[in-house]
Amino acid sequence: MSIRSTIALFVIAASAACVTGMRGTVGTSASAEPTPAGTKTIREITYIEGEFDGKAITRSDAEWKALLTPLEYNIMRKAGTEAPYSGPLNNNHKHGEYYCAACGLVLFTSDTKFESGTGWPSFYQPAFKNNVVEISDTSLPGEERTEILCARCHAHLGHVFDDGPKPTGLRYCMNSAALRFRETPDTDSK
């Protein structure tokens, strides 16, 4: 093995060790049990805090399939929907931000999350209007809905409806699998 290859392997191993200790990322732990077939490790995401800058991410379908878990791929690339009440973020009551699980763009904040009773995380407005894209969805016979996509990578997130609370009257009904949550530290407890 060349010195360059050895250094590259060391850098990768050191990066992986750092990732497991970073707040807001999910790492893997060593385990004696084998990984079940079809299971993918949750990957690190770089969180993008601000308003979408117009630089879109484009990947081939094969690249998305390799990058995302099967559930994420079905929802974000094939416009699937997770079963109601099945996503872990539906009952999340912590303070923080919700990011696109595919590209890390901030989408929603806990300040706009509300209990809709639908079984999916619901918000009355996005973190930044430019961070989501609305398109017409006529996939259900006889019904037209408004589909919500991530502006940066065009991942399907869910739909928006006009039965939400004030001040907007909107309900952004999102799939947990399309979101990553990062908790904001409590600054009042000093």
C-alpha atoms as a PDB file:
ATOM      1  CA  MET A   1       0.000   0.000   0.000  1.00  0.00           C
ATOM      2  CA  SER A   2       1.388   3.405  -0.940  1.00  0.00           C
ATOM      3  CA  ILE A   3       1.904   6.209   1.579  1.00  0.00           C
ATOM      4  CA  ARG A   4      -0.804   8.220  -0.183  1.00  0.00           C
ATOM      5  CA  SER A   5      -3.312   5.320   0.209  1.00  0.00           C
ATOM      6  CA  THR A   6      -2.372   4.871   3.860  1.00  0.00           C
ATOM      7  CA  ILE A   7      -2.876   8.577   4.563  1.00  0.00           C
ATOM      8  CA  ALA A   8      -6.231   8.564   2.733  1.00  0.00           C
ATOM      9  CA  LEU A   9      -7.418   5.587   4.804  1.00  0.00           C
ATOM     10  CA  PHE A  10      -6.274   7.297   8.010  1.00  0.00           C
ATOM     11  CA  VAL A  11      -8.130  10.500   7.093  1.00  0.00           C
ATOM     12  CA  ILE A  12     -11.304   8.541   6.307  1.00  0.00           C
ATOM     13  CA  ALA A  13     -11.096   6.613   9.586  1.00  0.00           C
ATOM     14  CA  ALA A  14     -10.427   9.778  11.588  1.00  0.00           C
ATOM     15  CA  SER A  15     -13.323  11.552   9.868  1.00  0.00           C
ATOM     16  CA  ALA A  16     -15.652   8.667  10.665  1.00  0.00           C
ATOM     17  CA  ALA A  17     -14.580   8.764  14.309  1.00  0.00           C
ATOM     18  CA  CYS A  18     -15.277  12.499  14.460  1.00  0.00           C
ATOM     19  CA  VAL A  19     -18.669  12.114  12.782  1.00  0.00           C
ATOM     20  CA  THR A  20     -19.901   9.718  15.450  1.00  0.00           C
ATOM     21  CA  GLY A  21     -19.213  12.342  18.086  1.00  0.00           C
ATOM     22  CA  MET A  22     -20.634  15.358  16.232  1.00  0.00           C
ATOM     23  CA  ARG A  23     -23.945  16.821  17.360  1.00  0.00           C
ATOM     24  CA  GLY A  24     -26.577  16.617  14.635  1.00  0.00           C
ATOM     25  CA  THR A  25     -25.075  13.642  12.837  1.00  0.00           C
ATOM     26  CA  VAL A  26     -25.714   9.992  13.271  1.00  0.00           C
ATOM     27  CA  GLY A  27     -22.791   7.624  13.308  1.00  0.00           C
ATOM     28  CA  THR A  28     -22.461   3.898  13.491  1.00  0.00           C
ATOM     29  CA  SER A  29     -21.278   1.903  16.446  1.00  0.00           C
ATOM     30  CA  ALA A  30     -19.282  -1.259  16.475  1.00  0.00           C
ATOM     31  CA  SER A  31     -21.461  -4.267  17.045  1.00  0.00           C
ATOM     32  CA  ALA A  32     -20.944  -8.003  17.155  1.00  0.00           C
ATOM     33  CA  GLU A  33     -24.260  -8.492  15.363  1.00  0.00           C
ATOM     34  CA  PRO A  34     -24.275  -8.498  11.562  1.00  0.00           C
ATOM     35  CA  THR A  35     -26.110  -5.740   9.735  1.00  0.00           C
ATOM     36  CA  PRO A  36     -29.431  -7.021   8.343  1.00  0.00           C
ATOM     37  CA  ALA A  37     -29.605  -7.310   4.557  1.00  0.00           C
ATOM     38  CA  GLY A  38     -30.948  -4.180   2.896  1.00  0.00           C
ATOM     39  CA  THR A  39     -30.020  -1.927   5.837  1.00  0.00           C
ATOM     40  CA  LYS A  40     -28.084   1.233   5.091  1.00  0.00           C
ATOM     41  CA  THR A  41     -26.152   3.350   7.549  1.00  0.00           C
ATOM     42  CA  ILE A  42     -27.584   6.828   8.062  1.00  0.00           C
ATOM     43  CA  ARG A  43     -25.170   9.141   6.370  1.00  0.00           C
ATOM     44  CA  GLU A  44     -23.751  12.428   7.549  1.00  0.00           C
ATOM     45  CA  ILE A  45     -25.491  15.536   6.260  1.00  0.00           C
ATOM     46  CA  THR A  46     -24.090  19.033   6.052  1.00  0.00           C
ATOM     47  CA  TYR A  47     -26.821  21.270   7.464  1.00  0.00           C
ATOM     48  CA  ILE A  48     -27.556  24.416   5.460  1.00  0.00           C
ATOM     49  CA  GLU A  49     -29.077  27.018   7.776  1.00  0.00           C
ATOM     50  CA  GLY A  50     -30.108  29.886   5.544  1.00  0.00           C
ATOM     51  CA  GLU A  51     -32.280  30.690   2.593  1.00  0.00           C
ATOM     52  CA  PHE A  52     -31.757  28.626  -0.567  1.00  0.00           C
ATOM     53  CA  ASP A  53     -29.043  30.241  -2.712  1.00  0.00           C
ATOM     54  CA  GLY A  54     -30.282  28.885  -6.043  1.00  0.00           C
ATOM     55  CA  LYS A  55     -27.546  26.242  -6.413  1.00  0.00           C
ATOM     56  CA  ALA A  56     -29.501  23.055  -7.032  1.00  0.00           C
ATOM     57  CA  ILE A  57     -28.188  19.540  -6.495  1.00  0.00           C
ATOM     58  CA  THR A  58     -28.739  17.135  -9.356  1.00  0.00           C
ATOM     59  CA  ARG A  59     -27.977  13.435  -9.156  1.00  0.00           C
ATOM     60  CA  SER A  60     -28.946  10.488 -11.301  1.00  0.00           C
ATOM     61  CA  ASP A  61     -31.621   8.114 -10.081  1.00  0.00           C
ATOM     62  CA  ALA A  62     -28.922   5.496  -9.474  1.00  0.00           C
ATOM     63  CA  GLU A  63     -26.925   7.949  -7.341  1.00  0.00           C
ATOM     64  CA  TRP A  64     -30.004   8.796  -5.225  1.00  0.00           C
ATOM     65  CA  LYS A  65     -30.801   5.097  -4.843  1.00  0.00           C
ATOM     66  CA  ALA A  66     -27.270   4.409  -3.584  1.00  0.00           C
ATOM     67  CA  LEU A  67     -27.292   7.407  -1.227  1.00  0.00           C
ATOM     68  CA  LEU A  68     -30.744   7.098   0.373  1.00  0.00           C
ATOM     69  CA  THR A  69     -32.266   4.338   2.474  1.00  0.00           C
ATOM     70  CA  PRO A  70     -35.021   2.367   0.702  1.00  0.00           C
ATOM     71  CA  LEU A  71     -37.721   4.261   2.644  1.00  0.00           C
ATOM     72  CA  GLU A  72     -36.114   7.655   1.944  1.00  0.00           C
ATOM     73  CA  TYR A  73     -35.730   6.784  -1.736  1.00  0.00           C
ATOM     74  CA  ASN A  74     -39.370   5.684  -2.032  1.00  0.00           C
ATOM     75  CA  ILE A  75     -40.618   8.883  -0.402  1.00  0.00           C
ATOM     76  CA  MET A  76     -38.189  11.502  -1.685  1.00  0.00           C
ATOM     77  CA  ARG A  77     -37.544  10.232  -5.216  1.00  0.00           C
ATOM     78  CA  LYS A  78     -40.759   8.294  -5.975  1.00  0.00           C
ATOM     79  CA  ALA A  79     -43.244  10.557  -4.096  1.00  0.00           C
ATOM     80  CA  GLY A  80     -44.219   7.800  -1.690  1.00  0.00           C
ATOM     81  CA  THR A  81     -45.829   8.349   1.698  1.00  0.00           C
ATOM     82  CA  GLU A  82     -44.955   6.765   5.014  1.00  0.00           C
ATOM     83  CA  ALA A  83     -47.774   5.250   7.072  1.00  0.00           C
ATOM     84  CA  PRO A  84     -49.455   7.745   9.409  1.00  0.00           C
ATOM     85  CA  TYR A  85     -48.083   7.801  12.984  1.00  0.00           C
ATOM     86  CA  SER A  86     -45.078   5.705  11.891  1.00  0.00           C
ATOM     87  CA  GLY A  87     -42.477   8.469  11.623  1.00  0.00           C
ATOM     88  CA  PRO A  88     -40.395   9.433  14.668  1.00  0.00           C
ATOM     89  CA  LEU A  89     -40.720  13.172  14.030  1.00  0.00           C
ATOM     90  CA  ASN A  90     -44.515  13.212  14.280  1.00  0.00           C
ATOM     91  CA  ASN A  91     -44.331  13.339  18.099  1.00  0.00           C
ATOM     92  CA  ASN A  92     -41.116  15.344  18.306  1.00  0.00           C
ATOM     93  CA  HIS A  93     -41.616  18.285  20.691  1.00  0.00           C
ATOM     94  CA  LYS A  94     -37.999  19.425  20.989  1.00  0.00           C
ATOM     95  CA  HIS A  95     -36.841  22.882  19.925  1.00  0.00           C
ATOM     96  CA  GLY A  96     -34.828  22.931  16.712  1.00  0.00           C
ATOM     97  CA  GLU A  97     -34.827  22.846  12.939  1.00  0.00           C
ATOM     98  CA  TYR A  98     -35.974  20.324  10.343  1.00  0.00           C
ATOM     99  CA  TYR A  99     -33.740  19.760   7.319  1.00  0.00           C
ATOM    100  CA  CYS A 100     -34.075  17.895   4.021  1.00  0.00           C
ATOM    101  CA  ALA A 101     -32.879  14.332   4.651  1.00  0.00           C
ATOM    102  CA  ALA A 102     -31.407  14.198   1.144  1.00  0.00           C
ATOM    103  CA  CYS A 103     -29.403  17.436   0.960  1.00  0.00           C
ATOM    104  CA  GLY A 104     -29.464  19.168   4.375  1.00  0.00           C
ATOM    105  CA  LEU A 105     -31.310  22.377   3.439  1.00  0.00           C
ATOM    106  CA  VAL A 106     -33.264  23.853   6.375  1.00  0.00           C
ATOM    107  CA  LEU A 107     -36.982  23.506   5.688  1.00  0.00           C
ATOM    108  CA  PHE A 108     -38.990  24.073   8.882  1.00  0.00           C
ATOM    109  CA  THR A 109     -38.538  25.109  12.511  1.00  0.00           C
ATOM    110  CA  SER A 110     -40.108  23.762  15.675  1.00  0.00           C
ATOM    111  CA  ASP A 111     -41.667  27.195  16.236  1.00  0.00           C
ATOM    112  CA  THR A 112     -44.072  26.537  13.343  1.00  0.00           C
ATOM    113  CA  LYS A 113     -44.772  22.859  14.093  1.00  0.00           C
ATOM    114  CA  PHE A 114     -48.234  21.976  15.392  1.00  0.00           C
ATOM    115  CA  GLU A 115     -50.305  18.928  16.265  1.00  0.00           C
ATOM    116  CA  SER A 116     -52.521  18.319  13.235  1.00  0.00           C
ATOM    117  CA  GLY A 117     -53.817  14.916  14.323  1.00  0.00           C
ATOM    118  CA  THR A 118     -53.018  13.526  10.863  1.00  0.00           C
ATOM    119  CA  GLY A 119     -50.098  11.281  11.851  1.00  0.00           C
ATOM    120  CA  TRP A 120     -47.420  13.281  10.022  1.00  0.00           C
ATOM    121  CA  PRO A 121     -45.249  16.187  11.176  1.00  0.00           C
ATOM    122  CA  SER A 122     -47.144  19.374  10.297  1.00  0.00           C
ATOM    123  CA  PHE A 123     -45.973  22.978  10.052  1.00  0.00           C
ATOM    124  CA  TYR A 124     -47.832  26.185   9.235  1.00  0.00           C
ATOM    125  CA  GLN A 125     -44.952  27.707   7.238  1.00  0.00           C
ATOM    126  CA  PRO A 126     -41.473  26.846   5.958  1.00  0.00           C
ATOM    127  CA  ALA A 127     -38.304  28.300   7.491  1.00  0.00           C
ATOM    128  CA  PHE A 128     -37.839  30.258   4.237  1.00  0.00           C
ATOM    129  CA  LYS A 129     -40.423  30.354   1.457  1.00  0.00           C
ATOM    130  CA  ASN A 130     -37.648  29.912  -1.152  1.00  0.00           C
ATOM    131  CA  ASN A 131     -36.517  26.638   0.461  1.00  0.00           C
ATOM    132  CA  VAL A 132     -39.568  24.743  -0.772  1.00  0.00           C
ATOM    133  CA  VAL A 133     -41.145  24.389  -4.195  1.00  0.00           C
ATOM    134  CA  GLU A 134     -44.883  23.917  -4.712  1.00  0.00           C
ATOM    135  CA  ILE A 135     -46.141  21.953  -7.713  1.00  0.00           C
ATOM    136  CA  SER A 136     -49.544  20.671  -8.752  1.00  0.00           C
ATOM    137  CA  ASP A 137     -50.137  17.001  -7.956  1.00  0.00           C
ATOM    138  CA  THR A 138     -52.962  15.186  -9.769  1.00  0.00           C
ATOM    139  CA  SER A 139     -51.774  11.665  -8.923  1.00  0.00           C
ATOM    140  CA  LEU A 140     -55.015  10.878  -7.032  1.00  0.00           C
ATOM    141  CA  PRO A 141     -58.010  10.514  -9.359  1.00  0.00           C
ATOM    142  CA  GLY A 142     -60.385  13.465  -9.086  1.00  0.00           C
ATOM    143  CA  GLU A 143     -58.194  15.378  -6.622  1.00  0.00           C
ATOM    144  CA  GLU A 144     -55.656  18.131  -7.122  1.00  0.00           C
ATOM    145  CA  ARG A 145     -53.174  18.705  -4.332  1.00  0.00           C
ATOM    146  CA  THR A 146     -50.090  20.857  -3.894  1.00  0.00           C
ATOM    147  CA  GLU A 147     -46.924  18.814  -3.586  1.00  0.00           C
ATOM    148  CA  ILE A 148     -43.964  20.219  -1.632  1.00  0.00           C
ATOM    149  CA  LEU A 149     -40.404  19.617  -2.826  1.00  0.00           C
ATOM    150  CA  CYS A 150     -37.046  20.667  -1.430  1.00  0.00           C
ATOM    151  CA  ALA A 151     -35.873  23.610  -3.559  1.00  0.00           C
ATOM    152  CA  ARG A 152     -32.261  22.440  -3.503  1.00  0.00           C
ATOM    153  CA  CYS A 153     -32.569  18.768  -4.536  1.00  0.00           C
ATOM    154  CA  HIS A 154     -36.261  18.472  -5.523  1.00  0.00           C
ATOM    155  CA  ALA A 155     -36.886  15.696  -3.000  1.00  0.00           C
ATOM    156  CA  HIS A 156     -40.585  15.017  -2.393  1.00  0.00           C
ATOM    157  CA  LEU A 157     -41.402  16.071   1.180  1.00  0.00           C
ATOM    158  CA  GLY A 158     -45.201  15.908   1.367  1.00  0.00           C
ATOM    159  CA  HIS A 159     -48.139  18.203   0.575  1.00  0.00           C
ATOM    160  CA  VAL A 160     -49.568  21.503   1.762  1.00  0.00           C
ATOM    161  CA  PHE A 161     -53.248  21.978   2.601  1.00  0.00           C
ATOM    162  CA  ASP A 162     -55.345  25.026   3.524  1.00  0.00           C
ATOM    163  CA  ASP A 163     -56.692  23.663   6.823  1.00  0.00           C
ATOM    164  CA  GLY A 164     -53.882  24.771   9.130  1.00  0.00           C
ATOM    165  CA  PRO A 165     -53.813  27.189  12.067  1.00  0.00           C
ATOM    166  CA  LYS A 166     -53.282  30.937  12.093  1.00  0.00           C
ATOM    167  CA  PRO A 167     -51.387  32.947  11.082  1.00  0.00           C
ATOM    168  CA  THR A 168     -51.087  31.259   7.640  1.00  0.00           C
ATOM    169  CA  GLY A 169     -54.007  28.817   7.634  1.00  0.00           C
ATOM    170  CA  LEU A 170     -51.688  26.290   5.955  1.00  0.00           C
ATOM    171  CA  ARG A 171     -50.706  22.742   6.927  1.00  0.00           C
ATOM    172  CA  TYR A 172     -47.431  21.541   5.459  1.00  0.00           C
ATOM    173  CA  CYS A 173     -47.919  17.815   6.002  1.00  0.00           C
ATOM    174  CA  MET A 174     -44.435  16.250   5.729  1.00  0.00           C
ATOM    175  CA  ASN A 175     -43.001  12.745   5.834  1.00  0.00           C
ATOM    176  CA  SER A 176     -40.639  12.108   8.773  1.00  0.00           C
ATOM    177  CA  ALA A 177     -38.354  10.079   6.507  1.00  0.00           C
ATOM    178  CA  ALA A 178     -37.842  13.150   4.297  1.00  0.00           C
ATOM    179  CA  LEU A 179     -36.661  15.247   7.252  1.00  0.00           C
ATOM    180  CA  ARG A 180     -33.719  15.339   9.628  1.00  0.00           C
ATOM    181  CA  PHE A 181     -34.136  17.114  12.959  1.00  0.00           C
ATOM    182  CA  ARG A 182     -31.355  18.970  14.728  1.00  0.00           C
ATOM    183  CA  GLU A 183     -32.106  20.141  18.249  1.00  0.00           C
ATOM    184  CA  THR A 184     -31.209  23.696  19.221  1.00  0.00           C
ATOM    185  CA  PRO A 185     -29.424  23.929  22.581  1.00  0.00           C
ATOM    186  CA  ASP A 186     -31.455  25.580  25.323  1.00  0.00           C
ATOM    187  CA  THR A 187     -29.824  28.989  25.821  1.00  0.00           C
ATOM    188  CA  ASP A 188     -32.142  29.962  28.698  1.00  0.00           C
ATOM    189  CA  SER A 189     -30.702  27.413  31.149  1.00  0.00           C
ATOM    190  CA  LYS A 190     -27.460  29.275  31.946  1.00  0.00           C
END
